[in-house]
N, C-alpha and C. Protein backbone atom coordinates (compact mmCIF):
# COMPACT_ATOMS: atom_id res chain seq x y z
N MET A 1 -61.51 100.31 217.40
CA MET A 1 -60.36 99.44 217.26
C MET A 1 -59.86 99.49 215.82
N GLY A 2 -58.59 99.20 215.64
CA GLY A 2 -57.97 99.27 214.33
C GLY A 2 -58.01 97.96 213.57
N GLN A 3 -57.54 98.04 212.36
CA GLN A 3 -57.45 96.86 211.49
C GLN A 3 -56.41 95.89 212.04
N LEU A 4 -56.56 94.62 211.64
CA LEU A 4 -55.62 93.59 212.07
C LEU A 4 -54.61 93.30 210.97
N LEU A 5 -53.40 92.96 211.38
CA LEU A 5 -52.32 92.56 210.49
C LEU A 5 -51.84 91.19 210.94
N GLU A 6 -51.75 90.24 210.01
CA GLU A 6 -51.19 88.93 210.30
C GLU A 6 -49.89 88.76 209.54
N VAL A 7 -48.87 88.31 210.25
CA VAL A 7 -47.61 87.94 209.62
C VAL A 7 -47.49 86.43 209.80
N ARG A 8 -47.35 85.72 208.67
CA ARG A 8 -47.24 84.25 208.71
C ARG A 8 -45.88 83.84 208.18
N LEU A 9 -45.17 83.04 208.99
CA LEU A 9 -43.82 82.61 208.64
C LEU A 9 -43.73 81.09 208.74
N PRO A 10 -43.10 80.42 207.74
CA PRO A 10 -42.98 78.96 207.78
C PRO A 10 -41.98 78.53 208.86
N VAL A 11 -42.30 77.45 209.53
CA VAL A 11 -41.44 76.90 210.57
C VAL A 11 -41.39 75.38 210.40
N GLN A 12 -40.22 74.80 210.59
CA GLN A 12 -40.05 73.35 210.46
C GLN A 12 -40.21 72.72 211.83
N ALA A 13 -41.31 72.05 212.04
CA ALA A 13 -41.60 71.43 213.34
C ALA A 13 -40.56 70.36 213.66
N GLY A 14 -40.23 70.25 214.92
CA GLY A 14 -39.33 69.20 215.38
C GLY A 14 -37.85 69.55 215.31
N THR A 15 -37.49 70.69 214.74
CA THR A 15 -36.08 71.06 214.66
C THR A 15 -35.64 71.89 215.85
N GLY A 16 -36.60 72.39 216.61
CA GLY A 16 -36.29 73.26 217.75
C GLY A 16 -36.26 74.73 217.38
N TYR A 17 -36.32 75.02 216.09
CA TYR A 17 -36.32 76.42 215.64
C TYR A 17 -37.72 76.99 215.69
N SER A 18 -37.79 78.27 216.00
CA SER A 18 -39.07 78.98 215.94
C SER A 18 -38.77 80.45 215.68
N TRP A 19 -39.78 81.15 215.20
CA TRP A 19 -39.66 82.58 214.94
C TRP A 19 -40.00 83.35 216.21
N ALA A 20 -39.30 84.44 216.42
CA ALA A 20 -39.58 85.35 217.53
C ALA A 20 -39.38 86.77 217.04
N VAL A 21 -40.09 87.69 217.65
CA VAL A 21 -39.90 89.10 217.32
C VAL A 21 -38.50 89.48 217.78
N ASP A 22 -37.68 89.95 216.85
CA ASP A 22 -36.30 90.31 217.15
C ASP A 22 -36.18 91.79 217.49
N ALA A 23 -36.92 92.61 216.77
CA ALA A 23 -36.94 94.04 217.04
C ALA A 23 -38.30 94.56 216.63
N ASP A 24 -38.89 95.30 217.49
CA ASP A 24 -40.23 95.82 217.23
C ASP A 24 -40.15 97.33 217.12
N GLY A 25 -40.05 97.80 215.87
CA GLY A 25 -40.03 99.23 215.63
C GLY A 25 -41.40 99.70 215.21
N ALA A 26 -42.39 99.30 215.99
CA ALA A 26 -43.78 99.54 215.61
C ALA A 26 -44.58 100.07 216.78
N ASP A 27 -44.43 101.35 217.08
CA ASP A 27 -45.20 101.94 218.18
C ASP A 27 -46.68 102.03 217.84
N ASN A 28 -47.01 101.90 216.56
CA ASN A 28 -48.40 102.03 216.14
C ASN A 28 -49.07 100.67 215.90
N LEU A 29 -48.40 99.58 216.26
CA LEU A 29 -48.97 98.24 216.18
C LEU A 29 -48.91 97.60 217.56
N GLU A 30 -50.00 96.96 217.94
CA GLU A 30 -50.09 96.26 219.22
C GLU A 30 -50.11 94.76 218.96
N SER A 31 -49.19 94.02 219.55
CA SER A 31 -49.17 92.56 219.41
C SER A 31 -50.34 91.98 220.21
N ILE A 32 -51.19 91.17 219.55
CA ILE A 32 -52.35 90.62 220.26
C ILE A 32 -52.39 89.10 220.28
N ASP A 33 -51.58 88.42 219.42
CA ASP A 33 -51.63 86.95 219.43
C ASP A 33 -50.42 86.39 218.70
N GLN A 34 -50.03 85.18 219.11
CA GLN A 34 -49.01 84.41 218.41
C GLN A 34 -49.44 82.95 218.50
N SER A 35 -49.46 82.26 217.36
CA SER A 35 -49.88 80.86 217.36
C SER A 35 -49.18 80.11 216.24
N THR A 36 -49.27 78.78 216.29
CA THR A 36 -48.69 77.91 215.26
C THR A 36 -49.82 77.13 214.61
N LEU A 37 -49.81 77.10 213.28
CA LEU A 37 -50.87 76.47 212.50
C LEU A 37 -50.30 75.40 211.58
N HIS A 38 -51.14 74.41 211.25
CA HIS A 38 -50.80 73.44 210.20
C HIS A 38 -51.28 74.02 208.87
N PRO A 39 -50.53 73.81 207.79
CA PRO A 39 -50.99 74.30 206.49
C PRO A 39 -52.35 73.72 206.12
N TRP A 40 -53.14 74.52 205.45
CA TRP A 40 -54.48 74.09 205.05
C TRP A 40 -54.40 72.90 204.10
N GLY A 41 -55.29 71.94 204.31
CA GLY A 41 -55.40 70.81 203.41
C GLY A 41 -54.36 69.74 203.65
N GLU A 42 -53.48 69.93 204.61
CA GLU A 42 -52.46 68.93 204.89
C GLU A 42 -52.67 68.36 206.28
N PRO A 43 -52.55 67.04 206.43
CA PRO A 43 -52.67 66.47 207.77
C PRO A 43 -51.45 66.83 208.60
N PRO A 44 -51.62 66.98 209.92
CA PRO A 44 -50.47 67.26 210.77
C PRO A 44 -49.47 66.10 210.68
N MET A 45 -48.21 66.41 210.44
CA MET A 45 -47.18 65.38 210.32
C MET A 45 -46.04 65.71 211.28
N MET A 46 -45.54 64.71 211.97
CA MET A 46 -44.39 64.91 212.85
C MET A 46 -43.22 65.39 212.00
N GLY A 47 -42.62 66.51 212.38
CA GLY A 47 -41.50 67.05 211.64
C GLY A 47 -41.90 67.81 210.40
N GLY A 48 -43.20 67.94 210.15
CA GLY A 48 -43.68 68.63 208.95
C GLY A 48 -43.62 70.15 209.09
N THR A 49 -43.87 70.80 207.98
CA THR A 49 -43.86 72.26 207.96
C THR A 49 -45.14 72.79 208.60
N GLN A 50 -44.97 73.83 209.40
CA GLN A 50 -46.09 74.53 210.01
C GLN A 50 -45.94 76.01 209.72
N VAL A 51 -46.87 76.80 210.20
CA VAL A 51 -46.83 78.24 210.01
C VAL A 51 -46.99 78.91 211.37
N GLN A 52 -46.07 79.83 211.68
CA GLN A 52 -46.24 80.64 212.88
C GLN A 52 -46.95 81.92 212.48
N ARG A 53 -47.97 82.27 213.24
CA ARG A 53 -48.79 83.44 212.93
C ARG A 53 -48.64 84.46 214.05
N PHE A 54 -48.27 85.68 213.67
CA PHE A 54 -48.18 86.81 214.59
C PHE A 54 -49.27 87.79 214.19
N THR A 55 -50.13 88.16 215.14
CA THR A 55 -51.25 89.05 214.85
C THR A 55 -51.07 90.37 215.61
N TYR A 56 -51.26 91.45 214.86
CA TYR A 56 -51.12 92.80 215.41
C TYR A 56 -52.39 93.60 215.13
N ARG A 57 -52.65 94.59 215.97
CA ARG A 57 -53.75 95.52 215.77
C ARG A 57 -53.15 96.91 215.56
N ALA A 58 -53.63 97.61 214.52
CA ALA A 58 -53.20 98.98 214.28
C ALA A 58 -53.79 99.89 215.35
N ILE A 59 -52.92 100.68 216.00
CA ILE A 59 -53.40 101.59 217.03
C ILE A 59 -53.07 103.05 216.70
N GLY A 60 -52.43 103.27 215.56
CA GLY A 60 -52.11 104.63 215.14
C GLY A 60 -51.53 104.63 213.74
N PRO A 61 -51.62 105.74 213.02
CA PRO A 61 -51.11 105.82 211.65
C PRO A 61 -49.58 105.95 211.62
N GLY A 62 -49.02 105.61 210.45
CA GLY A 62 -47.59 105.79 210.23
C GLY A 62 -46.89 104.51 209.84
N PRO A 63 -45.57 104.60 209.57
CA PRO A 63 -44.79 103.42 209.17
C PRO A 63 -44.45 102.55 210.37
N ALA A 64 -44.23 101.26 210.10
CA ALA A 64 -43.85 100.31 211.14
C ALA A 64 -42.95 99.25 210.52
N THR A 65 -41.97 98.80 211.28
CA THR A 65 -41.08 97.72 210.85
C THR A 65 -41.06 96.65 211.93
N LEU A 66 -41.36 95.42 211.53
CA LEU A 66 -41.31 94.28 212.44
C LEU A 66 -40.17 93.38 211.97
N ARG A 67 -39.27 93.00 212.88
CA ARG A 67 -38.15 92.12 212.54
C ARG A 67 -38.31 90.82 213.32
N PHE A 68 -38.09 89.71 212.61
CA PHE A 68 -38.24 88.39 213.20
C PHE A 68 -36.94 87.61 213.03
N ALA A 69 -36.61 86.77 214.03
CA ALA A 69 -35.42 85.93 214.00
C ALA A 69 -35.85 84.47 214.16
N TYR A 70 -35.25 83.59 213.36
CA TYR A 70 -35.52 82.15 213.38
C TYR A 70 -34.35 81.50 214.10
N ARG A 71 -34.60 81.02 215.31
CA ARG A 71 -33.52 80.47 216.12
C ARG A 71 -34.05 79.43 217.09
N ARG A 72 -33.12 78.73 217.70
CA ARG A 72 -33.45 77.83 218.80
C ARG A 72 -33.37 78.67 220.07
N PRO A 73 -34.51 78.90 220.72
CA PRO A 73 -34.55 79.86 221.83
C PRO A 73 -33.63 79.54 223.00
N TRP A 74 -33.31 78.29 223.22
CA TRP A 74 -32.50 77.93 224.37
C TRP A 74 -30.99 78.11 224.12
N LEU A 75 -30.59 78.40 222.88
CA LEU A 75 -29.19 78.61 222.57
C LEU A 75 -28.86 80.11 222.60
N GLY A 76 -28.63 80.63 223.77
CA GLY A 76 -28.33 82.05 223.91
C GLY A 76 -27.00 82.42 223.27
N GLY A 77 -26.93 83.61 222.70
CA GLY A 77 -25.69 84.09 222.12
C GLY A 77 -25.38 83.57 220.73
N VAL A 78 -26.21 82.69 220.20
CA VAL A 78 -26.00 82.15 218.86
C VAL A 78 -26.79 82.99 217.86
N PRO A 79 -26.16 83.42 216.77
CA PRO A 79 -26.90 84.21 215.79
C PRO A 79 -28.07 83.40 215.20
N PRO A 80 -29.14 84.08 214.81
CA PRO A 80 -30.27 83.37 214.23
C PRO A 80 -29.90 82.70 212.91
N ALA A 81 -30.57 81.59 212.61
CA ALA A 81 -30.36 80.89 211.33
C ALA A 81 -30.88 81.73 210.17
N ARG A 82 -31.94 82.49 210.42
CA ARG A 82 -32.53 83.36 209.39
C ARG A 82 -33.16 84.56 210.08
N THR A 83 -33.31 85.62 209.33
CA THR A 83 -34.05 86.78 209.79
C THR A 83 -34.93 87.27 208.65
N THR A 84 -35.96 87.98 209.00
CA THR A 84 -36.81 88.61 208.01
C THR A 84 -37.43 89.84 208.63
N GLN A 85 -37.87 90.74 207.79
CA GLN A 85 -38.56 91.92 208.31
C GLN A 85 -39.76 92.24 207.45
N VAL A 86 -40.74 92.86 208.08
CA VAL A 86 -41.97 93.27 207.42
C VAL A 86 -42.14 94.76 207.65
N GLN A 87 -42.30 95.50 206.58
CA GLN A 87 -42.54 96.94 206.69
C GLN A 87 -43.96 97.22 206.24
N VAL A 88 -44.68 97.96 207.06
CA VAL A 88 -46.06 98.32 206.74
C VAL A 88 -46.26 99.80 207.02
N THR A 89 -47.27 100.35 206.38
CA THR A 89 -47.68 101.71 206.68
C THR A 89 -49.16 101.68 207.04
N VAL A 90 -49.46 102.14 208.22
CA VAL A 90 -50.84 102.22 208.68
C VAL A 90 -51.37 103.57 208.22
N GLY A 91 -52.44 103.53 207.45
CA GLY A 91 -53.03 104.77 206.93
C GLY A 91 -53.82 105.51 207.98
N PRO A 92 -54.21 106.74 207.66
CA PRO A 92 -55.03 107.50 208.59
C PRO A 92 -56.40 106.85 208.76
N TRP A 93 -56.99 107.08 209.89
CA TRP A 93 -58.30 106.50 210.19
C TRP A 93 -59.36 107.10 209.28
N LEU A 94 -60.24 106.24 208.81
CA LEU A 94 -61.38 106.71 208.00
C LEU A 94 -62.60 106.73 208.88
N ARG A 95 -63.38 107.76 208.77
CA ARG A 95 -64.59 107.85 209.59
C ARG A 95 -65.80 107.92 208.72
């Protein structure tokens, strides 16, 4: 199995917005988990900031681009409030 990659993005709880994968140009990364976390050392607060975590496993070498959109999922056709992208390069396997 390959190395794991975590992408963590801040999300404002209670606004209805959340991050979603907008475009996955990563044939060499396998999505294995998505979860929402409370920041370390802070008590959970209604409407407080949280972190969305996207976890991927490297399944092959080469470049990869992950694009995320911050939107209210139920509002179809509305442009995202924000977007971001993560570019990574998976190195060759070491034996």
